[in-house]
């Protein structure tokens, strides 16, 4: 079996699916990608048993063959070849021999029959959504997902569709990110599912910021997304997501308006001397002035002062500076609004004039 293609044609799909492959695998074959070659198409599949991505590339094939090759190795080889290089791949028994110019490589091949493929049950909900919209909703919220939390339902992102409105919500118990888009779904679909952390990260990386419609199929256990020449499948987290509406602060009577770039730069500088473990920073607001203070166990201190739009009583409150920077970094507006109530209540942060993406950060004692 001989396959001929060019470097650029093979590199993009390999880069797309490589993120799905885990570096440390309990099953050796999961370090490989499955290739189904034939009729001028290389159909490529990668999976870690939770997430699966299928994509394809065009190639000249002198027959049909199914085989698996090490994902990281074939990607690194393809990446290292010069631009415009022609790649010849010969499948001979348990070896895949790759030749390009004067370069030759021999890769081990495992049986395609042993490669696990996710086979979701029939979908209960089908909808279409703009690819760029889904990407933006993911990017606005994914940073707030928990990592390896015992509350497994926090290690992912809530996707909620109701009355034509689509929302994404993520929280790690200390902060919450919510983004929504009104009237974005034409189908009469009412769903609430939790996508696992890896699926969210891979989707955010894989999706493009464009206005074409993509099809999404859902049931209680799986989500399946159909893109141009690619199919993304993931298991869903079986759990109940917290009632995020209860977390949204209400009754805030203090509003700080700050220029986003100035605030972000001041926070970044002050964070240098914050405690590496707790990352605490003190906010002090009064009379159009915001003072930021940070210190660490080495008795080092940082202080920043910036002009803001604030009229109200003086308030001092502590926050995790990393959480603040994460939220402010995904806000696109030039001005940031921070709503506060007292030193024991959560802050609500959003871009001025934008009600679609909101961020809640719990206070901390400093």
Protein backbone atom coordinates (compact mmCIF):
# COMPACT_ATOMS: atom_id res chain seq x y z
CA UNK A 1 0.00 0.00 0.00
CA UNK A 2 1.51 3.33 -1.11
CA UNK A 3 0.33 6.82 -0.13
CA UNK A 4 1.62 10.06 -1.64
CA UNK A 5 0.77 13.53 -0.31
CA UNK A 6 2.49 16.84 0.45
CA UNK A 7 3.65 18.15 3.82
CA UNK A 8 1.13 21.00 4.22
CA UNK A 9 -1.77 18.72 3.29
CA UNK A 10 -0.86 16.27 6.06
CA UNK A 11 0.40 18.71 8.71
CA UNK A 12 -2.82 20.63 9.44
CA UNK A 13 -5.04 17.59 10.21
CA UNK A 14 -2.23 16.01 12.24
CA UNK A 15 -1.94 19.18 14.34
CA UNK A 16 -5.72 19.24 14.82
CA UNK A 17 -5.99 15.75 16.23
CA UNK A 18 -2.67 15.56 18.11
CA UNK A 19 -4.12 17.38 21.13
CA UNK A 20 -6.59 14.57 21.72
CA UNK A 21 -3.79 12.01 22.12
CA UNK A 22 -2.61 11.74 25.72
CA UNK A 23 1.15 11.59 26.24
CA UNK A 24 0.79 9.00 29.02
CA UNK A 25 -1.39 6.09 27.99
CA UNK A 26 -2.41 2.91 29.77
CA UNK A 27 -3.12 1.34 26.36
CA UNK A 28 -0.19 1.66 23.92
CA UNK A 29 -2.53 1.93 20.92
CA UNK A 30 -4.03 5.16 22.30
CA UNK A 31 -0.71 6.86 21.57
CA UNK A 32 -1.44 6.15 17.91
CA UNK A 33 -3.82 7.62 15.39
CA UNK A 34 -6.01 5.45 13.20
CA UNK A 35 -5.69 6.05 9.46
CA UNK A 36 -8.23 4.70 6.98
CA UNK A 37 -6.71 5.21 3.53
CA UNK A 38 -8.53 4.85 0.22
CA UNK A 39 -10.25 6.67 -2.66
CA UNK A 40 -7.89 9.62 -2.42
CA UNK A 41 -8.69 10.29 1.25
CA UNK A 42 -6.80 9.71 4.51
CA UNK A 43 -9.42 9.52 7.27
CA UNK A 44 -7.63 10.12 10.60
CA UNK A 45 -8.98 9.36 14.08
CA UNK A 46 -7.55 10.10 17.52
CA UNK A 47 -9.12 9.25 20.86
CA UNK A 48 -8.37 8.98 24.57
CA UNK A 49 -11.62 7.02 25.18
CA UNK A 50 -13.33 10.21 26.40
CA UNK A 51 -12.81 12.52 23.42
CA UNK A 52 -12.58 11.51 19.77
CA UNK A 53 -11.71 13.61 16.73
CA UNK A 54 -11.95 12.51 13.14
CA UNK A 55 -10.51 14.57 10.30
CA UNK A 56 -9.11 13.94 6.85
CA UNK A 57 -6.55 14.84 4.20
CA UNK A 58 -6.38 14.21 0.47
CA UNK A 59 -3.71 11.85 -0.85
CA UNK A 60 -2.92 9.54 -3.73
CA UNK A 61 -3.61 5.96 -2.60
CA UNK A 62 -2.92 2.89 -4.74
CA UNK A 63 -5.47 0.84 -2.77
CA UNK A 64 -7.19 0.71 0.59
CA UNK A 65 -5.66 0.09 4.02
CA UNK A 66 -6.42 0.63 7.70
CA UNK A 67 -3.52 1.05 10.11
CA UNK A 68 -2.35 3.02 13.16
CA UNK A 69 0.88 5.00 13.57
CA UNK A 70 2.41 6.86 16.57
CA UNK A 71 0.68 10.26 16.61
CA UNK A 72 3.44 12.37 18.14
CA UNK A 73 6.20 10.86 16.01
CA UNK A 74 4.49 11.27 12.64
CA UNK A 75 3.50 14.83 13.57
CA UNK A 76 7.04 15.75 14.61
CA UNK A 77 8.50 14.22 11.45
CA UNK A 78 6.01 16.04 9.21
CA UNK A 79 6.61 19.33 11.05
CA UNK A 80 10.39 18.96 10.66
CA UNK A 81 10.26 18.42 6.90
CA UNK A 82 10.83 21.46 4.64
CA UNK A 83 7.86 23.38 3.22
CA UNK A 84 6.42 21.89 0.05
CA UNK A 85 8.01 18.49 0.72
CA UNK A 86 6.39 15.47 -0.94
CA UNK A 87 5.72 12.60 1.46
CA UNK A 88 5.67 8.95 0.38
CA UNK A 89 4.24 6.50 2.90
CA UNK A 90 4.53 2.75 2.32
CA UNK A 91 2.71 0.31 4.59
CA UNK A 92 4.60 -2.97 4.75
CA UNK A 93 3.50 -5.44 7.40
CA UNK A 94 4.09 -3.98 10.84
CA UNK A 95 6.06 -0.98 9.53
CA UNK A 96 5.11 2.34 7.97
CA UNK A 97 8.04 3.60 5.89
CA UNK A 98 7.97 7.35 5.33
CA UNK A 99 10.21 8.90 2.69
CA UNK A 100 10.62 12.54 1.71
CA UNK A 101 13.55 13.61 -0.46
CA UNK A 102 16.62 12.04 1.13
CA UNK A 103 14.92 11.52 4.51
CA UNK A 104 13.69 8.07 5.46
CA UNK A 105 11.82 6.93 8.57
CA UNK A 106 10.43 3.58 9.68
CA UNK A 107 7.54 3.70 12.17
CA UNK A 108 5.92 0.85 14.05
CA UNK A 109 2.34 0.00 13.05
CA UNK A 110 -0.34 -1.47 15.30
CA UNK A 111 -3.47 -3.25 14.08
CA UNK A 112 -6.39 -1.01 13.18
CA UNK A 113 -8.78 -3.70 14.45
CA UNK A 114 -7.61 -3.05 18.02
CA UNK A 115 -8.22 0.71 17.84
CA UNK A 116 -11.11 1.79 20.10
CA UNK A 117 -13.82 3.91 18.46
CA UNK A 118 -16.49 5.85 20.36
CA UNK A 119 -19.95 4.77 19.24
CA UNK A 120 -22.52 7.12 20.82
CA UNK A 121 -26.16 6.15 21.11
CA UNK A 122 -28.70 7.89 18.82
CA UNK A 123 -29.05 11.63 19.40
CA UNK A 124 -32.07 13.05 21.18
CA UNK A 125 -31.39 16.68 20.20
CA UNK A 126 -30.02 18.12 16.96
CA UNK A 127 -29.28 21.80 16.43
CA UNK A 128 -27.21 24.17 14.33
CA UNK A 129 -25.02 26.96 15.67
CA UNK A 130 -22.48 29.33 14.16
CA UNK A 131 -18.97 27.99 14.63
CA UNK A 132 -17.53 31.37 15.65
CA UNK A 133 -20.26 31.87 18.25
CA UNK A 134 -19.55 28.54 19.96
CA UNK A 135 -15.82 29.32 19.93
CA UNK A 136 -16.39 32.72 21.56
CA UNK A 137 -18.70 31.30 24.24
CA UNK A 138 -16.05 28.71 25.12
CA UNK A 139 -13.21 31.24 25.20
CA UNK A 140 -15.18 33.57 27.48
CA UNK A 141 -15.73 30.91 30.16
CA UNK A 142 -13.30 27.97 29.93
CA UNK A 143 -10.66 29.52 32.21
CA UNK A 144 -12.97 29.19 35.24
CA UNK A 145 -13.27 25.38 35.02
CA UNK A 146 -11.92 23.38 37.95
CA UNK A 147 -8.95 21.03 37.61
CA UNK A 148 -9.14 17.58 39.18
CA UNK A 149 -11.76 18.66 41.70
CA UNK A 150 -13.43 15.87 43.69
CA UNK A 151 -16.68 17.55 42.68
CA UNK A 152 -16.29 16.05 39.21
CA UNK A 153 -19.13 18.11 37.73
CA UNK A 154 -16.97 21.23 38.19
CA UNK A 155 -14.22 19.78 35.97
CA UNK A 156 -16.05 20.91 32.88
CA UNK A 157 -18.32 23.53 31.35
CA UNK A 158 -22.11 23.75 31.38
CA UNK A 159 -23.74 24.13 27.98
CA UNK A 160 -27.33 25.28 28.39
CA UNK A 161 -29.85 26.00 25.65
CA UNK A 162 -33.24 27.38 26.56
CA UNK A 163 -35.78 29.51 24.66
CA UNK A 164 -33.40 30.09 21.80
CA UNK A 165 -30.66 31.32 24.13
CA UNK A 166 -27.36 29.50 24.48
CA UNK A 167 -25.18 29.83 27.59
CA UNK A 168 -21.84 28.50 28.73
CA UNK A 169 -21.00 28.49 32.44
CA UNK A 170 -17.88 27.38 34.30
CA UNK A 171 -16.95 27.53 37.97
CA UNK A 172 -14.31 26.09 40.30
CA UNK A 173 -16.16 27.07 43.47
CA UNK A 174 -14.17 30.30 43.95
CA UNK A 175 -15.16 32.09 40.76
CA UNK A 176 -17.73 31.77 38.02
CA UNK A 177 -17.79 32.73 34.36
CA UNK A 178 -21.01 33.03 32.36
CA UNK A 179 -21.44 33.95 28.72
CA UNK A 180 -24.62 33.89 26.68
CA UNK A 181 -25.99 34.77 23.26
CA UNK A 182 -29.65 35.59 22.69
CA UNK A 183 -31.71 34.13 19.83
CA UNK A 184 -28.82 32.08 18.52
CA UNK A 185 -30.64 28.76 18.22
CA UNK A 186 -33.56 28.39 15.81
CA UNK A 187 -34.50 24.86 16.91
CA UNK A 188 -36.88 24.33 19.81
CA UNK A 189 -34.29 22.65 22.04
CA UNK A 190 -34.12 22.66 25.85
CA UNK A 191 -30.92 21.05 27.14
CA UNK A 192 -28.38 21.31 29.95
CA UNK A 193 -25.21 19.21 29.61
CA UNK A 194 -21.68 19.32 31.09
CA UNK A 195 -18.74 19.02 28.69
CA UNK A 196 -15.54 17.62 30.25
CA UNK A 197 -12.53 19.90 30.61
CA UNK A 198 -10.45 18.28 27.87
CA UNK A 199 -13.30 18.44 25.36
CA UNK A 200 -13.77 22.15 26.08
CA UNK A 201 -10.07 22.93 25.67
CA UNK A 202 -9.78 20.94 22.43
CA UNK A 203 -12.93 22.53 21.01
CA UNK A 204 -11.67 26.01 21.87
CA UNK A 205 -8.44 25.22 20.06
CA UNK A 206 -10.05 23.45 17.13
CA UNK A 207 -12.98 25.74 16.29
CA UNK A 208 -12.48 28.67 13.93
CA UNK A 209 -13.88 32.19 14.35
CA UNK A 210 -16.19 32.16 11.34
CA UNK A 211 -19.92 32.44 10.64
CA UNK A 212 -20.60 29.07 8.99
CA UNK A 213 -23.25 26.84 10.60
CA UNK A 214 -22.17 23.61 12.29
CA UNK A 215 -24.38 20.73 13.35
CA UNK A 216 -24.46 19.58 16.98
CA UNK A 217 -26.01 16.29 18.10
CA UNK A 218 -26.67 15.62 21.78
CA UNK A 219 -27.98 12.90 24.04
CA UNK A 220 -27.60 12.21 27.76
CA UNK A 221 -24.09 10.75 27.37
CA UNK A 222 -22.44 12.28 24.31
CA UNK A 223 -22.03 15.43 22.23
CA UNK A 224 -21.15 15.18 18.56
CA UNK A 225 -20.12 18.21 16.51
CA UNK A 226 -19.87 18.11 12.71
CA UNK A 227 -17.42 20.56 11.16
CA UNK A 228 -15.96 20.90 7.70
CA UNK A 229 -14.19 17.57 7.03
CA UNK A 230 -14.15 16.78 10.77
CA UNK A 231 -16.31 15.15 13.44
CA UNK A 232 -15.72 15.82 17.15
CA UNK A 233 -17.25 13.43 19.71
CA UNK A 234 -17.04 13.59 23.50
CA UNK A 235 -18.56 11.89 26.49
CA UNK A 236 -20.51 14.18 28.80
CA UNK A 237 -20.09 14.47 32.57
CA UNK A 238 -22.93 12.74 34.38
CA UNK A 239 -23.75 15.11 37.21
CA UNK A 240 -25.80 18.10 38.30
CA UNK A 241 -24.20 21.48 37.74
CA UNK A 242 -24.58 24.01 40.58
CA UNK A 243 -27.49 26.46 40.34
CA UNK A 244 -25.33 29.27 39.03
CA UNK A 245 -28.18 31.83 39.12
CA UNK A 246 -27.96 31.81 42.93
CA UNK A 247 -24.29 32.74 42.80
CA UNK A 248 -24.83 35.88 40.74
CA UNK A 249 -24.48 38.85 43.15
CA UNK A 250 -27.49 41.06 43.75
CA UNK A 251 -27.94 44.25 45.73
CA UNK A 252 -24.49 45.61 44.86
CA UNK A 253 -24.50 49.36 45.60
CA UNK A 254 -20.91 50.22 44.66
CA UNK A 255 -19.70 50.41 41.05
CA UNK A 256 -16.12 50.92 39.94
CA UNK A 257 -15.40 51.76 36.31
CA UNK A 258 -11.79 51.38 35.20
CA UNK A 259 -9.92 51.45 31.92
CA UNK A 260 -9.25 47.82 31.07
CA UNK A 261 -5.64 48.10 29.88
CA UNK A 262 -4.57 50.30 32.81
CA UNK A 263 -6.24 48.02 35.35
CA UNK A 264 -4.76 44.88 33.82
CA UNK A 265 -1.25 46.33 33.76
CA UNK A 266 -1.51 47.52 37.37
CA UNK A 267 -2.76 44.12 38.53
CA UNK A 268 0.03 42.35 36.62
CA UNK A 269 2.70 44.50 38.24
CA UNK A 270 1.27 44.17 41.75
CA UNK A 271 0.92 40.39 41.34
CA UNK A 272 4.69 40.03 41.05
CA UNK A 273 5.04 40.46 44.82
CA UNK A 274 1.86 38.64 45.83
CA UNK A 275 2.10 35.37 47.75
CA UNK A 276 2.81 32.53 45.30
CA UNK A 277 0.45 30.25 47.23
CA UNK A 278 -2.55 32.50 47.88
CA UNK A 279 -2.11 35.18 45.17
CA UNK A 280 -3.95 37.72 47.33
CA UNK A 281 -4.31 41.40 46.47
CA UNK A 282 -6.12 44.12 48.42
CA UNK A 283 -8.53 46.51 46.70
CA UNK A 284 -9.11 49.90 48.35
CA UNK A 285 -11.56 52.20 46.56
CA UNK A 286 -12.52 55.76 47.43
CA UNK A 287 -13.14 59.05 45.63
CA UNK A 288 -12.26 58.04 42.04
CA UNK A 289 -9.13 56.19 43.21
CA UNK A 290 -8.34 52.47 43.30
CA UNK A 291 -5.37 51.36 45.33
CA UNK A 292 -3.92 47.87 44.86
CA UNK A 293 -1.68 46.33 47.50
CA UNK A 294 0.13 43.00 47.54
CA UNK A 295 2.68 41.44 49.88
CA UNK A 296 4.36 38.07 50.38
CA UNK A 297 5.93 36.01 53.20
CA UNK A 298 9.33 37.59 52.42
CA UNK A 299 7.90 40.91 53.68
CA UNK A 300 8.03 42.40 50.18
CA UNK A 301 5.25 44.77 49.13
CA UNK A 302 3.79 46.25 45.97
CA UNK A 303 1.42 49.19 45.71
CA UNK A 304 -0.36 50.56 42.65
CA UNK A 305 -2.75 53.48 42.43
CA UNK A 306 -4.94 54.33 39.46
CA UNK A 307 -7.77 56.66 38.59
CA UNK A 308 -11.21 55.09 38.30
CA UNK A 309 -14.78 56.31 38.14
CA UNK A 310 -16.14 55.66 41.65
CA UNK A 311 -18.41 57.62 43.95
CA UNK A 312 -19.27 55.97 47.24
CA UNK A 313 -18.06 54.96 50.65
CA UNK A 314 -14.53 53.66 51.07
CA UNK A 315 -14.28 49.88 50.69
CA UNK A 316 -11.40 47.49 51.25
CA UNK A 317 -11.67 43.95 49.90
CA UNK A 318 -9.26 41.15 48.99
CA UNK A 319 -9.21 39.00 45.84
CA UNK A 320 -7.11 36.36 44.16
CA UNK A 321 -5.23 38.45 41.59
CA UNK A 322 -5.01 35.54 39.15
CA UNK A 323 -8.80 35.26 39.07
CA UNK A 324 -9.11 39.00 38.39
CA UNK A 325 -6.60 38.89 35.56
CA UNK A 326 -8.26 35.85 33.97
CA UNK A 327 -11.63 37.60 33.88
CA UNK A 328 -10.33 40.98 32.71
CA UNK A 329 -8.22 39.34 29.96
CA UNK A 330 -11.29 37.95 28.13
CA UNK A 331 -13.23 41.22 28.31
CA UNK A 332 -13.04 43.00 24.95
CA UNK A 333 -14.54 46.35 25.95
CA UNK A 334 -12.23 49.28 26.74
CA UNK A 335 -13.79 49.84 30.17
CA UNK A 336 -14.38 47.29 32.94
CA UNK A 337 -17.20 47.53 35.49
CA UNK A 338 -16.69 46.00 38.95
CA UNK A 339 -19.79 45.85 41.11
CA UNK A 340 -19.18 45.54 44.86
CA UNK A 341 -21.35 45.36 47.96
CA UNK A 342 -19.11 44.87 50.99
CA UNK A 343 -15.85 43.19 51.96
CA UNK A 344 -17.56 39.80 52.43
CA UNK A 345 -19.56 39.70 49.18
CA UNK A 346 -18.52 38.52 45.73
CA UNK A 347 -17.62 40.99 42.99
CA UNK A 348 -19.41 41.05 39.63
CA UNK A 349 -17.17 41.99 36.69
CA UNK A 350 -18.13 42.70 33.08
CA UNK A 351 -17.28 44.91 30.13
CA UNK A 352 -19.06 48.26 30.06
CA UNK A 353 -22.26 47.97 28.04
CA UNK A 354 -21.95 44.17 27.68
CA UNK A 355 -24.50 42.11 29.57
CA UNK A 356 -23.67 38.87 27.75
CA UNK A 357 -20.48 37.87 29.60
CA UNK A 358 -20.27 38.22 33.38
CA UNK A 359 -17.72 37.08 35.94
CA UNK A 360 -18.15 36.46 39.66
CA UNK A 361 -15.15 36.35 42.02
CA UNK A 362 -15.41 35.50 45.70
CA UNK A 363 -13.49 37.72 48.14
CA UNK A 364 -10.59 36.45 50.23
CA UNK A 365 -9.14 37.52 53.55
CA UNK A 366 -5.76 39.22 53.39
